[in-house]
Protein backbone atom coordinates (compact mmCIF):
# COMPACT_ATOMS: atom_id res chain seq x y z
CA MET A 1 0.19 -16.90 -10.56
CA ARG A 2 2.39 -14.22 -12.11
CA ILE A 3 1.56 -10.54 -11.85
CA ASN A 4 1.78 -8.45 -15.00
CA ARG A 5 4.03 -5.59 -13.85
CA ASP A 6 3.36 -3.76 -17.12
CA ALA A 7 -0.37 -3.44 -16.39
CA TYR A 8 -1.74 0.05 -15.74
CA LEU A 9 -4.01 0.95 -12.83
CA THR A 10 -5.98 3.97 -11.73
CA ARG A 11 -4.82 5.83 -8.61
CA ALA A 12 -7.59 4.27 -6.52
CA GLN A 13 -6.72 0.75 -7.69
CA ALA A 14 -3.02 1.36 -7.01
CA ALA A 15 -3.85 2.57 -3.49
CA ILE A 16 -5.84 -0.60 -2.80
CA VAL A 17 -3.09 -2.88 -4.12
CA THR A 18 -0.32 -1.23 -2.08
CA ARG A 19 -2.43 -0.37 0.99
CA VAL A 20 -1.32 3.25 0.95
CA SER A 21 -3.42 6.36 0.46
CA ALA A 22 -4.26 7.72 -2.97
CA ASP A 23 -2.41 10.89 -1.90
CA ALA A 24 0.78 8.84 -1.47
CA ILE A 25 0.41 7.60 -5.06
CA GLY A 26 0.04 11.21 -6.22
CA LYS A 27 3.16 12.23 -4.29
CA TRP A 28 5.17 9.37 -5.81
CA HIS A 29 4.06 10.67 -9.20
CA ALA A 30 4.86 14.31 -8.45
CA ARG A 31 8.06 13.96 -6.43
CA GLY A 32 9.21 10.42 -7.04
CA TRP A 33 10.84 8.26 -4.36
CA LEU A 34 14.33 7.12 -3.43
CA ASN A 35 15.30 3.56 -4.32
CA ALA A 36 17.71 1.42 -2.28
CA ASP A 37 20.73 3.07 -3.97
CA GLY A 38 19.48 6.57 -3.13
CA ALA A 39 18.55 7.39 -6.74
CA ARG A 40 15.29 9.25 -7.35
CA GLN A 41 12.72 7.21 -9.29
CA HIS A 42 9.47 8.34 -10.92
CA LEU A 43 6.27 6.55 -11.85
CA THR A 44 5.54 5.66 -15.45
CA VAL A 45 2.09 6.98 -16.34
CA LYS A 46 -0.33 6.96 -19.26
CA ARG A 47 -2.70 9.87 -19.75
CA LEU A 48 -6.14 8.94 -21.04
CA PRO A 49 -8.02 11.18 -23.50
CA ASN A 50 -10.29 12.35 -20.65
CA GLY A 51 -7.23 13.51 -18.66
CA ASN A 52 -7.15 10.70 -16.10
CA LEU A 53 -3.82 9.04 -15.32
CA LEU A 54 -2.99 5.36 -15.23
CA TYR A 55 0.05 4.17 -13.27
CA ARG A 56 2.31 1.23 -14.17
CA LEU A 57 1.87 -1.56 -11.60
CA GLY A 58 5.58 -2.45 -11.49
CA ASP A 59 6.55 1.12 -10.58
CA ILE A 60 3.83 1.29 -7.91
CA LEU A 61 5.06 -1.94 -6.30
CA ASP A 62 8.69 -0.73 -6.43
CA ALA A 63 7.77 2.62 -4.83
CA GLU A 64 5.85 0.92 -2.03
CA ARG A 65 8.69 -1.53 -1.34
CA ASP A 66 11.40 1.15 -1.37
CA THR A 67 9.52 3.61 0.85
CA ALA A 68 8.59 0.87 3.32
CA ARG A 69 12.26 -0.14 3.63
CA ASN A 70 13.68 3.40 3.78
CA PRO A 71 14.39 4.37 7.42
CA ASN A 72 14.16 8.08 6.49
CA SER A 73 10.66 7.65 5.08
CA ARG A 74 7.60 8.25 7.24
CA ARG A 75 6.56 4.74 6.29
CA GLY A 76 10.03 3.32 6.90
CA SER A 77 10.84 1.55 10.10
CA LYS A 78 13.91 0.77 12.16
CA ARG A 79 12.62 -2.79 12.67
CA SER A 80 13.30 -5.56 10.20
CA ALA A 81 10.57 -7.02 8.01
CA THR A 82 10.41 -10.18 10.14
CA GLN A 83 9.89 -8.09 13.27
CA LEU A 84 7.11 -6.15 11.55
CA ARG A 85 5.28 -9.36 10.62
CA ALA A 86 5.79 -10.83 14.11
CA THR A 87 4.21 -7.86 15.91
CA PRO A 88 0.48 -8.56 16.37
CA SER A 89 -2.09 -5.84 16.72
CA PRO A 90 -3.51 -5.39 20.27
CA SER A 91 -6.90 -6.82 19.33
CA ARG A 92 -5.32 -9.98 17.88
CA ALA A 93 -3.11 -10.45 20.94
CA HIS A 94 -6.16 -10.28 23.21
CA ALA A 95 -8.10 -12.67 20.97
CA ARG A 96 -5.34 -15.27 21.23
CA GLU A 97 -5.38 -14.99 25.01
CA GLY A 98 -9.17 -15.45 25.10
CA ARG A 99 -9.79 -11.89 26.29
CA GLN A 100 -11.52 -8.99 24.63
CA ALA A 101 -9.67 -5.81 23.70
CA PRO A 102 -10.09 -2.96 26.21
CA SER A 103 -13.24 -0.93 25.64
CA THR A 104 -12.98 2.77 24.92
CA GLY A 105 -16.44 3.39 26.34
CA ALA A 106 -17.81 4.49 22.97
CA ALA A 107 -20.80 2.89 21.37
CA PRO A 108 -19.93 0.12 18.92
CA GLN A 109 -19.75 1.27 15.34
CA GLU A 110 -21.55 -0.42 12.51
CA SER A 111 -19.32 -2.48 10.30
CA CYS A 112 -18.60 -1.29 6.80
CA PRO A 113 -20.04 -3.20 3.87
CA PRO A 114 -17.57 -5.64 2.33
CA ARG A 115 -15.45 -4.32 -0.51
CA THR A 116 -15.80 -5.75 -3.94
CA PRO A 117 -12.82 -7.96 -4.79
CA PHE A 118 -10.10 -6.38 -6.89
CA HIS A 119 -8.17 -8.64 -9.21
CA LEU A 120 -4.74 -7.88 -10.60
CA PRO A 121 -4.26 -8.44 -14.30
CA ALA A 122 -2.39 -11.71 -14.90
CA ALA A 123 0.68 -11.91 -17.09
CA ALA A 124 0.20 -13.42 -20.50
């Protein structure tokens, strides 16, 4: 399946796709981000008649990738991508060992209702 990088998304949809906050999307729009060469990039947007903005999917994906790889970014990391994928969360590590994660002593919280699936527009 190919992703249509020229599709436009709302800020909330872009946040879901990239797993960043909607505020981060707004900051990429307002300030831009630095690409791998150190050049400042900005999001391509469309303004709807009601004033809402739509963001180009390709730019959103590029911004997420570049900020995740930038060691000076708050999201950036000193570890390589393979090390990031290899590091399990504490609850998963305990599950593999057959133990439960340590309890914080708080009452268990109710689980959130499942999200509705979000589908990316496919390329023509």
